[in-house]
């Protein structure tokens, strides 16, 4: 029962943390509804309706590649830490 309550607290804390990050980002940009509509209309005028999906696909691929690269670096660091720990354990025997 305590584990369930603890996991619920973690989820609430995580949701609260995400909400704070989003609200601070929106405050930093200080964009309202009219500004967002204006940006969308300008993007449509500049790039056209056919080009925007291609741009979004490219953006999505770039974000995916960045995520994969950062996960690869994180995995390499964790593997090197694990190997160092196992080396210490093996040398201590």
PDB file of N, CA and C in Angstrom:
ATOM      1  N   UNK A   1       0.826  -1.201   0.000  1.00  0.00           N
ATOM      2  CA  UNK A   1       0.000   0.000   0.000  1.00  0.00           C
ATOM      3  C   UNK A   1       0.864   1.256   0.000  1.00  0.00           C
ATOM      4  N   UNK A   2       1.966   1.221   0.793  1.00  0.00           N
ATOM      5  CA  UNK A   2       2.838   2.383   0.846  1.00  0.00           C
ATOM      6  C   UNK A   2       3.529   2.618  -0.496  1.00  0.00           C
ATOM      7  N   UNK A   3       3.903   1.535  -1.179  1.00  0.00           N
ATOM      8  CA  UNK A   3       4.537   1.693  -2.486  1.00  0.00           C
ATOM      9  C   UNK A   3       3.593   2.361  -3.471  1.00  0.00           C
ATOM     10  N   UNK A   4       2.313   2.003  -3.412  1.00  0.00           N
ATOM     11  CA  UNK A   4       1.319   2.604  -4.302  1.00  0.00           C
ATOM     12  C   UNK A   4       1.202   4.096  -4.027  1.00  0.00           C
ATOM     13  N   UNK A   5       1.128   4.469  -2.739  1.00  0.00           N
ATOM     14  CA  UNK A   5       1.018   5.888  -2.395  1.00  0.00           C
ATOM     15  C   UNK A   5       2.271   6.639  -2.800  1.00  0.00           C
ATOM     16  N   UNK A   6       3.430   6.000  -2.612  1.00  0.00           N
ATOM     17  CA  UNK A   6       4.691   6.636  -2.983  1.00  0.00           C
ATOM     18  C   UNK A   6       4.761   6.856  -4.492  1.00  0.00           C
ATOM     19  N   UNK A   7       4.311   5.879  -5.276  1.00  0.00           N
ATOM     20  CA  UNK A   7       4.347   6.037  -6.731  1.00  0.00           C
ATOM     21  C   UNK A   7       3.364   7.121  -7.186  1.00  0.00           C
ATOM     22  N   UNK A   8       2.215   7.229  -6.506  1.00  0.00           N
ATOM     23  CA  UNK A   8       1.251   8.276  -6.840  1.00  0.00           C
ATOM     24  C   UNK A   8       1.822   9.656  -6.526  1.00  0.00           C
ATOM     25  N   UNK A   9       2.563   9.760  -5.416  1.00  0.00           N
ATOM     26  CA  UNK A   9       3.197  11.036  -5.079  1.00  0.00           C
ATOM     27  C   UNK A   9       4.223  11.406  -6.136  1.00  0.00           C
ATOM     28  N   UNK A  10       5.000  10.430  -6.601  1.00  0.00           N
ATOM     29  CA  UNK A  10       6.001  10.699  -7.629  1.00  0.00           C
ATOM     30  C   UNK A  10       5.349  11.163  -8.920  1.00  0.00           C
ATOM     31  N   UNK A  11       4.227  10.542  -9.293  1.00  0.00           N
ATOM     32  CA  UNK A  11       3.527  10.948 -10.509  1.00  0.00           C
ATOM     33  C   UNK A  11       2.994  12.364 -10.386  1.00  0.00           C
ATOM     34  N   UNK A  12       2.421  12.700  -9.221  1.00  0.00           N
ATOM     35  CA  UNK A  12       1.911  14.054  -9.017  1.00  0.00           C
ATOM     36  C   UNK A  12       3.032  15.075  -9.054  1.00  0.00           C
ATOM     37  N   UNK A  13       4.165  14.736  -8.430  1.00  0.00           N
ATOM     38  CA  UNK A  13       5.308  15.638  -8.427  1.00  0.00           C
ATOM     39  C   UNK A  13       5.829  15.849  -9.836  1.00  0.00           C
ATOM     40  N   UNK A  14       5.907  14.762 -10.622  1.00  0.00           N
ATOM     41  CA  UNK A  14       6.376  14.861 -11.998  1.00  0.00           C
ATOM     42  C   UNK A  14       5.431  15.707 -12.837  1.00  0.00           C
ATOM     43  N   UNK A  15       4.120  15.493 -12.686  1.00  0.00           N
ATOM     44  CA  UNK A  15       3.148  16.292 -13.428  1.00  0.00           C
ATOM     45  C   UNK A  15       3.235  17.765 -13.044  1.00  0.00           C
ATOM     46  N   UNK A  16       3.427  18.039 -11.760  1.00  0.00           N
ATOM     47  CA  UNK A  16       3.560  19.418 -11.296  1.00  0.00           C
ATOM     48  C   UNK A  16       4.822  20.056 -11.870  1.00  0.00           C
ATOM     49  N   UNK A  17       5.906  19.284 -11.902  1.00  0.00           N
ATOM     50  CA  UNK A  17       7.173  19.783 -12.447  1.00  0.00           C
ATOM     51  C   UNK A  17       7.037  20.103 -13.934  1.00  0.00           C
ATOM     52  N   UNK A  18       6.350  19.245 -14.679  1.00  0.00           N
ATOM     53  CA  UNK A  18       6.131  19.490 -16.105  1.00  0.00           C
ATOM     54  C   UNK A  18       5.268  20.725 -16.295  1.00  0.00           C
ATOM     55  N   UNK A  19       4.246  20.884 -15.488  1.00  0.00           N
ATOM     56  CA  UNK A  19       3.369  22.050 -15.581  1.00  0.00           C
ATOM     57  C   UNK A  19       4.145  23.342 -15.326  1.00  0.00           C
ATOM     58  N   UNK A  20       5.030  23.325 -14.358  1.00  0.00           N
ATOM     59  CA  UNK A  20       5.837  24.511 -14.063  1.00  0.00           C
ATOM     60  C   UNK A  20       6.762  24.831 -15.232  1.00  0.00           C
ATOM     61  N   UNK A  21       7.377  23.791 -15.811  1.00  0.00           N
ATOM     62  CA  UNK A  21       8.276  24.015 -16.943  1.00  0.00           C
ATOM     63  C   UNK A  21       7.522  24.607 -18.127  1.00  0.00           C
ATOM     64  N   UNK A  22       6.337  24.080 -18.423  1.00  0.00           N
ATOM     65  CA  UNK A  22       5.555  24.590 -19.547  1.00  0.00           C
ATOM     66  C   UNK A  22       5.100  26.023 -19.311  1.00  0.00           C
ATOM     67  N   UNK A  23       4.641  26.297 -18.108  1.00  0.00           N
ATOM     68  CA  UNK A  23       4.161  27.653 -17.840  1.00  0.00           C
ATOM     69  C   UNK A  23       5.302  28.655 -17.863  1.00  0.00           C
ATOM     70  N   UNK A  24       6.473  28.259 -17.372  1.00  0.00           N
ATOM     71  CA  UNK A  24       7.601  29.192 -17.414  1.00  0.00           C
ATOM     72  C   UNK A  24       8.070  29.417 -18.842  1.00  0.00           C
ATOM     73  N   UNK A  25       7.983  28.389 -19.684  1.00  0.00           N
ATOM     74  CA  UNK A  25       8.345  28.551 -21.086  1.00  0.00           C
ATOM     75  C   UNK A  25       7.381  29.487 -21.782  1.00  0.00           C
ATOM     76  N   UNK A  26       6.097  29.327 -21.527  1.00  0.00           N
ATOM     77  CA  UNK A  26       5.107  30.205 -22.141  1.00  0.00           C
ATOM     78  C   UNK A  26       5.244  31.636 -21.641  1.00  0.00           C
ATOM     79  N   UNK A  27       5.590  31.809 -20.367  1.00  0.00           N
ATOM     80  CA  UNK A  27       5.795  33.155 -19.851  1.00  0.00           C
ATOM     81  C   UNK A  27       7.024  33.789 -20.477  1.00  0.00           C
ATOM     82  N   UNK A  28       8.047  32.986 -20.717  1.00  0.00           N
ATOM     83  CA  UNK A  28       9.263  33.497 -21.335  1.00  0.00           C
ATOM     84  C   UNK A  28       8.978  33.954 -22.756  1.00  0.00           C
ATOM     85  N   UNK A  29       8.208  33.175 -23.484  1.00  0.00           N
ATOM     86  CA  UNK A  29       7.872  33.548 -24.846  1.00  0.00           C
ATOM     87  C   UNK A  29       6.822  34.644 -24.887  1.00  0.00           C
ATOM     88  N   UNK A  30       5.965  34.668 -23.879  1.00  0.00           N
ATOM     89  CA  UNK A  30       4.908  35.665 -23.755  1.00  0.00           C
ATOM     90  C   UNK A  30       4.041  35.722 -25.016  1.00  0.00           C
ATOM     91  N   UNK A  31       3.647  34.550 -25.497  1.00  0.00           N
ATOM     92  CA  UNK A  31       2.811  34.468 -26.690  1.00  0.00           C
ATOM     93  C   UNK A  31       1.367  34.209 -26.293  1.00  0.00           C
ATOM     94  N   UNK A  32       0.481  34.996 -26.861  1.00  0.00           N
ATOM     95  CA  UNK A  32      -0.941  34.782 -26.658  1.00  0.00           C
ATOM     96  C   UNK A  32      -1.534  34.097 -27.867  1.00  0.00           C
ATOM     97  N   UNK A  33      -2.830  33.968 -27.881  1.00  0.00           N
ATOM     98  CA  UNK A  33      -3.518  33.302 -28.978  1.00  0.00           C
ATOM     99  C   UNK A  33      -3.373  34.031 -30.302  1.00  0.00           C
ATOM    100  N   UNK A  34      -3.470  35.352 -30.268  1.00  0.00           N
ATOM    101  CA  UNK A  34      -3.356  36.127 -31.499  1.00  0.00           C
ATOM    102  C   UNK A  34      -1.961  36.026 -32.103  1.00  0.00           C
ATOM    103  N   UNK A  35      -0.945  36.032 -31.248  1.00  0.00           N
ATOM    104  CA  UNK A  35       0.420  35.931 -31.753  1.00  0.00           C
ATOM    105  C   UNK A  35       0.674  34.576 -32.403  1.00  0.00           C
ATOM    106  N   UNK A  36       0.152  33.518 -31.798  1.00  0.00           N
ATOM    107  CA  UNK A  36       0.326  32.178 -32.360  1.00  0.00           C
ATOM    108  C   UNK A  36      -0.351  32.087 -33.720  1.00  0.00           C
ATOM    109  N   UNK A  37      -1.558  32.640 -33.832  1.00  0.00           N
ATOM    110  CA  UNK A  37      -2.282  32.626 -35.111  1.00  0.00           C
ATOM    111  C   UNK A  37      -1.504  33.408 -36.160  1.00  0.00           C
ATOM    112  N   UNK A  38      -0.949  34.542 -35.770  1.00  0.00           N
ATOM    113  CA  UNK A  38      -0.157  35.349 -36.691  1.00  0.00           C
ATOM    114  C   UNK A  38       1.074  34.583 -37.184  1.00  0.00           C
ATOM    115  N   UNK A  39       1.741  33.891 -36.289  1.00  0.00           N
ATOM    116  CA  UNK A  39       2.915  33.100 -36.672  1.00  0.00           C
ATOM    117  C   UNK A  39       2.529  31.985 -37.645  1.00  0.00           C
ATOM    118  N   UNK A  40       1.419  31.322 -37.391  1.00  0.00           N
ATOM    119  CA  UNK A  40       0.963  30.249 -38.280  1.00  0.00           C
ATOM    120  C   UNK A  40       0.624  30.807 -39.656  1.00  0.00           C
ATOM    121  N   UNK A  41      -0.067  31.935 -39.700  1.00  0.00           N
ATOM    122  CA  UNK A  41      -0.425  32.544 -40.989  1.00  0.00           C
ATOM    123  C   UNK A  41       0.835  32.966 -41.743  1.00  0.00           C
ATOM    124  N   UNK A  42       1.793  33.564 -41.060  1.00  0.00           N
ATOM    125  CA  UNK A  42       3.048  33.955 -41.699  1.00  0.00           C
ATOM    126  C   UNK A  42       3.810  32.740 -42.238  1.00  0.00           C
ATOM    127  N   UNK A  43       3.810  31.642 -41.469  1.00  0.00           N
ATOM    128  CA  UNK A  43       4.486  30.427 -41.929  1.00  0.00           C
ATOM    129  C   UNK A  43       3.806  29.890 -43.177  1.00  0.00           C
ATOM    130  N   UNK A  44       2.480  29.930 -43.203  1.00  0.00           N
ATOM    131  CA  UNK A  44       1.753  29.482 -44.395  1.00  0.00           C
ATOM    132  C   UNK A  44       2.063  30.356 -45.604  1.00  0.00           C
ATOM    133  N   UNK A  45       2.144  31.658 -45.392  1.00  0.00           N
ATOM    134  CA  UNK A  45       2.450  32.567 -46.496  1.00  0.00           C
ATOM    135  C   UNK A  45       3.877  32.389 -47.009  1.00  0.00           C
ATOM    136  N   UNK A  46       4.811  32.184 -46.077  1.00  0.00           N
ATOM    137  CA  UNK A  46       6.208  32.061 -46.477  1.00  0.00           C
ATOM    138  C   UNK A  46       6.510  30.735 -47.162  1.00  0.00           C
ATOM    139  N   UNK A  47       6.016  29.645 -46.596  1.00  0.00           N
ATOM    140  CA  UNK A  47       6.398  28.325 -47.088  1.00  0.00           C
ATOM    141  C   UNK A  47       5.340  27.660 -47.947  1.00  0.00           C
ATOM    142  N   UNK A  48       4.103  28.045 -47.803  1.00  0.00           N
ATOM    143  CA  UNK A  48       3.033  27.410 -48.555  1.00  0.00           C
ATOM    144  C   UNK A  48       2.543  26.156 -47.860  1.00  0.00           C
ATOM    145  N   UNK A  49       1.341  25.750 -48.201  1.00  0.00           N
ATOM    146  CA  UNK A  49       0.711  24.597 -47.551  1.00  0.00           C
ATOM    147  C   UNK A  49       1.381  23.278 -47.862  1.00  0.00           C
ATOM    148  N   UNK A  50       2.024  23.169 -49.025  1.00  0.00           N
ATOM    149  CA  UNK A  50       2.650  21.896 -49.399  1.00  0.00           C
ATOM    150  C   UNK A  50       4.016  21.719 -48.752  1.00  0.00           C
ATOM    151  N   UNK A  51       4.692  22.801 -48.451  1.00  0.00           N
ATOM    152  CA  UNK A  51       6.054  22.723 -47.932  1.00  0.00           C
ATOM    153  C   UNK A  51       6.092  22.504 -46.418  1.00  0.00           C
ATOM    154  N   UNK A  52       5.079  22.943 -45.705  1.00  0.00           N
ATOM    155  CA  UNK A  52       5.097  22.855 -44.246  1.00  0.00           C
ATOM    156  C   UNK A  52       5.159  21.412 -43.751  1.00  0.00           C
ATOM    157  N   UNK A  53       4.383  20.451 -44.294  1.00  0.00           N
ATOM    158  CA  UNK A  53       4.537  19.071 -43.816  1.00  0.00           C
ATOM    159  C   UNK A  53       5.947  18.523 -44.022  1.00  0.00           C
ATOM    160  N   UNK A  54       6.594  18.904 -45.123  1.00  0.00           N
ATOM    161  CA  UNK A  54       7.974  18.466 -45.344  1.00  0.00           C
ATOM    162  C   UNK A  54       8.904  19.059 -44.293  1.00  0.00           C
ATOM    163  N   UNK A  55       8.702  20.326 -43.966  1.00  0.00           N
ATOM    164  CA  UNK A  55       9.522  20.961 -42.939  1.00  0.00           C
ATOM    165  C   UNK A  55       9.315  20.304 -41.578  1.00  0.00           C
ATOM    166  N   UNK A  56       8.079  19.968 -41.250  1.00  0.00           N
ATOM    167  CA  UNK A  56       7.789  19.334 -39.967  1.00  0.00           C
ATOM    168  C   UNK A  56       8.383  17.922 -39.903  1.00  0.00           C
ATOM    169  N   UNK A  57       8.328  17.195 -41.031  1.00  0.00           N
ATOM    170  CA  UNK A  57       8.962  15.870 -41.066  1.00  0.00           C
ATOM    171  C   UNK A  57      10.459  15.985 -40.824  1.00  0.00           C
ATOM    172  N   UNK A  58      11.081  16.951 -41.472  1.00  0.00           N
ATOM    173  CA  UNK A  58      12.510  17.165 -41.267  1.00  0.00           C
ATOM    174  C   UNK A  58      12.829  17.536 -39.833  1.00  0.00           C
ATOM    175  N   UNK A  59      12.003  18.382 -39.249  1.00  0.00           N
ATOM    176  CA  UNK A  59      12.191  18.758 -37.855  1.00  0.00           C
ATOM    177  C   UNK A  59      12.038  17.547 -36.944  1.00  0.00           C
ATOM    178  N   UNK A  60      11.035  16.716 -37.216  1.00  0.00           N
ATOM    179  CA  UNK A  60      10.824  15.506 -36.421  1.00  0.00           C
ATOM    180  C   UNK A  60      11.999  14.547 -36.530  1.00  0.00           C
ATOM    181  N   UNK A  61      12.527  14.382 -37.735  1.00  0.00           N
ATOM    182  CA  UNK A  61      13.688  13.503 -37.914  1.00  0.00           C
ATOM    183  C   UNK A  61      14.899  14.045 -37.168  1.00  0.00           C
ATOM    184  N   UNK A  62      15.088  15.356 -37.218  1.00  0.00           N
ATOM    185  CA  UNK A  62      16.209  15.957 -36.502  1.00  0.00           C
ATOM    186  C   UNK A  62      16.099  15.766 -35.000  1.00  0.00           C
ATOM    187  N   UNK A  63      14.900  15.949 -34.466  1.00  0.00           N
ATOM    188  CA  UNK A  63      14.686  15.758 -33.029  1.00  0.00           C
ATOM    189  C   UNK A  63      14.903  14.294 -32.658  1.00  0.00           C
ATOM    190  N   UNK A  64      14.416  13.372 -33.494  1.00  0.00           N
ATOM    191  CA  UNK A  64      14.601  11.948 -33.232  1.00  0.00           C
ATOM    192  C   UNK A  64      16.085  11.575 -33.233  1.00  0.00           C
ATOM    193  N   UNK A  65      16.849  12.094 -34.200  1.00  0.00           N
ATOM    194  CA  UNK A  65      18.278  11.804 -34.254  1.00  0.00           C
ATOM    195  C   UNK A  65      19.000  12.360 -33.030  1.00  0.00           C
ATOM    196  N   UNK A  66      18.614  13.558 -32.601  1.00  0.00           N
ATOM    197  CA  UNK A  66      19.214  14.142 -31.402  1.00  0.00           C
ATOM    198  C   UNK A  66      18.919  13.293 -30.173  1.00  0.00           C
ATOM    199  N   UNK A  67      17.669  12.825 -30.064  1.00  0.00           N
ATOM    200  CA  UNK A  67      17.289  11.977 -28.931  1.00  0.00           C
ATOM    201  C   UNK A  67      18.068  10.673 -28.936  1.00  0.00           C
ATOM    202  N   UNK A  68      18.196  10.059 -30.130  1.00  0.00           N
ATOM    203  CA  UNK A  68      18.946   8.812 -30.239  1.00  0.00           C
ATOM    204  C   UNK A  68      20.409   9.016 -29.869  1.00  0.00           C
ATOM    205  N   UNK A  69      20.983  10.119 -30.310  1.00  0.00           N
ATOM    206  CA  UNK A  69      22.388  10.401 -29.989  1.00  0.00           C
ATOM    207  C   UNK A  69      22.565  10.628 -28.494  1.00  0.00           C
ATOM    208  N   UNK A  70      21.661  11.372 -27.882  1.00  0.00           N
ATOM    209  CA  UNK A  70      21.786  11.623 -26.446  1.00  0.00           C
ATOM    210  C   UNK A  70      21.568  10.341 -25.651  1.00  0.00           C
ATOM    211  N   UNK A  71      20.657   9.482 -26.112  1.00  0.00           N
ATOM    212  CA  UNK A  71      20.475   8.189 -25.438  1.00  0.00           C
ATOM    213  C   UNK A  71      21.712   7.317 -25.598  1.00  0.00           C
ATOM    214  N   UNK A  72      22.372   7.381 -26.763  1.00  0.00           N
ATOM    215  CA  UNK A  72      23.594   6.619 -26.984  1.00  0.00           C
ATOM    216  C   UNK A  72      24.707   7.070 -26.058  1.00  0.00           C
ATOM    217  N   UNK A  73      24.853   8.383 -25.880  1.00  0.00           N
ATOM    218  CA  UNK A  73      25.873   8.909 -24.975  1.00  0.00           C
ATOM    219  C   UNK A  73      25.565   8.489 -23.546  1.00  0.00           C
ATOM    220  N   UNK A  74      24.305   8.586 -23.166  1.00  0.00           N
ATOM    221  CA  UNK A  74      23.899   8.195 -21.814  1.00  0.00           C
ATOM    222  C   UNK A  74      24.186   6.708 -21.579  1.00  0.00           C
ATOM    223  N   UNK A  75      23.868   5.875 -22.583  1.00  0.00           N
ATOM    224  CA  UNK A  75      24.115   4.437 -22.478  1.00  0.00           C
ATOM    225  C   UNK A  75      25.609   4.148 -22.351  1.00  0.00           C
ATOM    226  N   UNK A  76      26.447   4.853 -23.133  1.00  0.00           N
ATOM    227  CA  UNK A  76      27.888   4.655 -23.062  1.00  0.00           C
ATOM    228  C   UNK A  76      28.437   5.015 -21.688  1.00  0.00           C
ATOM    229  N   UNK A  77      27.943   6.108 -21.125  1.00  0.00           N
ATOM    230  CA  UNK A  77      28.393   6.521 -19.794  1.00  0.00           C
ATOM    231  C   UNK A  77      27.993   5.489 -18.756  1.00  0.00           C
ATOM    232  N   UNK A  78      26.754   5.001 -18.821  1.00  0.00           N
ATOM    233  CA  UNK A  78      26.298   4.002 -17.858  1.00  0.00           C
ATOM    234  C   UNK A  78      27.091   2.712 -17.991  1.00  0.00           C
ATOM    235  N   UNK A  79      27.393   2.295 -19.227  1.00  0.00           N
ATOM    236  CA  UNK A  79      28.177   1.081 -19.432  1.00  0.00           C
ATOM    237  C   UNK A  79      29.581   1.236 -18.876  1.00  0.00           C
ATOM    238  N   UNK A  80      30.200   2.390 -19.077  1.00  0.00           N
ATOM    239  CA  UNK A  80      31.550   2.590 -18.551  1.00  0.00           C
ATOM    240  C   UNK A  80      31.543   2.620 -17.026  1.00  0.00           C
ATOM    241  N   UNK A  81      30.494   3.208 -16.432  1.00  0.00           N
ATOM    242  CA  UNK A  81      30.395   3.211 -14.967  1.00  0.00           C
ATOM    243  C   UNK A  81      30.206   1.798 -14.445  1.00  0.00           C
ATOM    244  N   UNK A  82      29.352   1.005 -15.126  1.00  0.00           N
ATOM    245  CA  UNK A  82      29.123  -0.372 -14.703  1.00  0.00           C
ATOM    246  C   UNK A  82      30.397  -1.202 -14.825  1.00  0.00           C
ATOM    247  N   UNK A  83      31.159  -0.993 -15.891  1.00  0.00           N
ATOM    248  CA  UNK A  83      32.392  -1.765 -16.064  1.00  0.00           C
ATOM    249  C   UNK A  83      33.421  -1.377 -15.011  1.00  0.00           C
ATOM    250  N   UNK A  84      33.487  -0.099 -14.639  1.00  0.00           N
ATOM    251  CA  UNK A  84      34.414   0.327 -13.591  1.00  0.00           C
ATOM    252  C   UNK A  84      34.025  -0.281 -12.253  1.00  0.00           C
ATOM    253  N   UNK A  85      32.707  -0.333 -11.973  1.00  0.00           N
ATOM    254  CA  UNK A  85      32.255  -0.934 -10.719  1.00  0.00           C
ATOM    255  C   UNK A  85      32.572  -2.421 -10.684  1.00  0.00           C
ATOM    256  N   UNK A  86      32.350  -3.101 -11.796  1.00  0.00           N
ATOM    257  CA  UNK A  86      32.648  -4.539 -11.825  1.00  0.00           C
ATOM    258  C   UNK A  86      34.146  -4.780 -11.722  1.00  0.00           C
ATOM    259  N   UNK A  87      34.975  -3.901 -12.300  1.00  0.00           N
ATOM    260  CA  UNK A  87      36.430  -4.022 -12.165  1.00  0.00           C
ATOM    261  C   UNK A  87      36.850  -3.861 -10.704  1.00  0.00           C
ATOM    262  N   UNK A  88      36.230  -2.910 -10.009  1.00  0.00           N
ATOM    263  CA  UNK A  88      36.552  -2.716  -8.598  1.00  0.00           C
ATOM    264  C   UNK A  88      36.170  -3.919  -7.773  1.00  0.00           C
ATOM    265  N   UNK A  89      34.997  -4.493  -8.054  1.00  0.00           N
ATOM    266  CA  UNK A  89      34.530  -5.674  -7.323  1.00  0.00           C
ATOM    267  C   UNK A  89      35.436  -6.862  -7.591  1.00  0.00           C
ATOM    268  N   UNK A  90      35.842  -7.065  -8.843  1.00  0.00           N
ATOM    269  CA  UNK A  90      36.694  -8.189  -9.200  1.00  0.00           C
ATOM    270  C   UNK A  90      38.098  -8.029  -8.637  1.00  0.00           C
ATOM    271  N   UNK A  91      38.620  -6.820  -8.584  1.00  0.00           N
ATOM    272  CA  UNK A  91      39.973  -6.608  -8.047  1.00  0.00           C
ATOM    273  C   UNK A  91      39.977  -6.726  -6.536  1.00  0.00           C
ATOM    274  N   UNK A  92      38.861  -6.515  -5.904  1.00  0.00           N
ATOM    275  CA  UNK A  92      38.781  -6.586  -4.444  1.00  0.00           C
ATOM    276  C   UNK A  92      38.720  -8.015  -3.922  1.00  0.00           C
ATOM    277  N   UNK A  93      38.428  -8.991  -4.791  1.00  0.00           N
ATOM    278  CA  UNK A  93      38.298 -10.380  -4.335  1.00  0.00           C
ATOM    279  C   UNK A  93      39.619 -11.030  -4.124  1.00  0.00           C
TER     280      UNK A  93
END
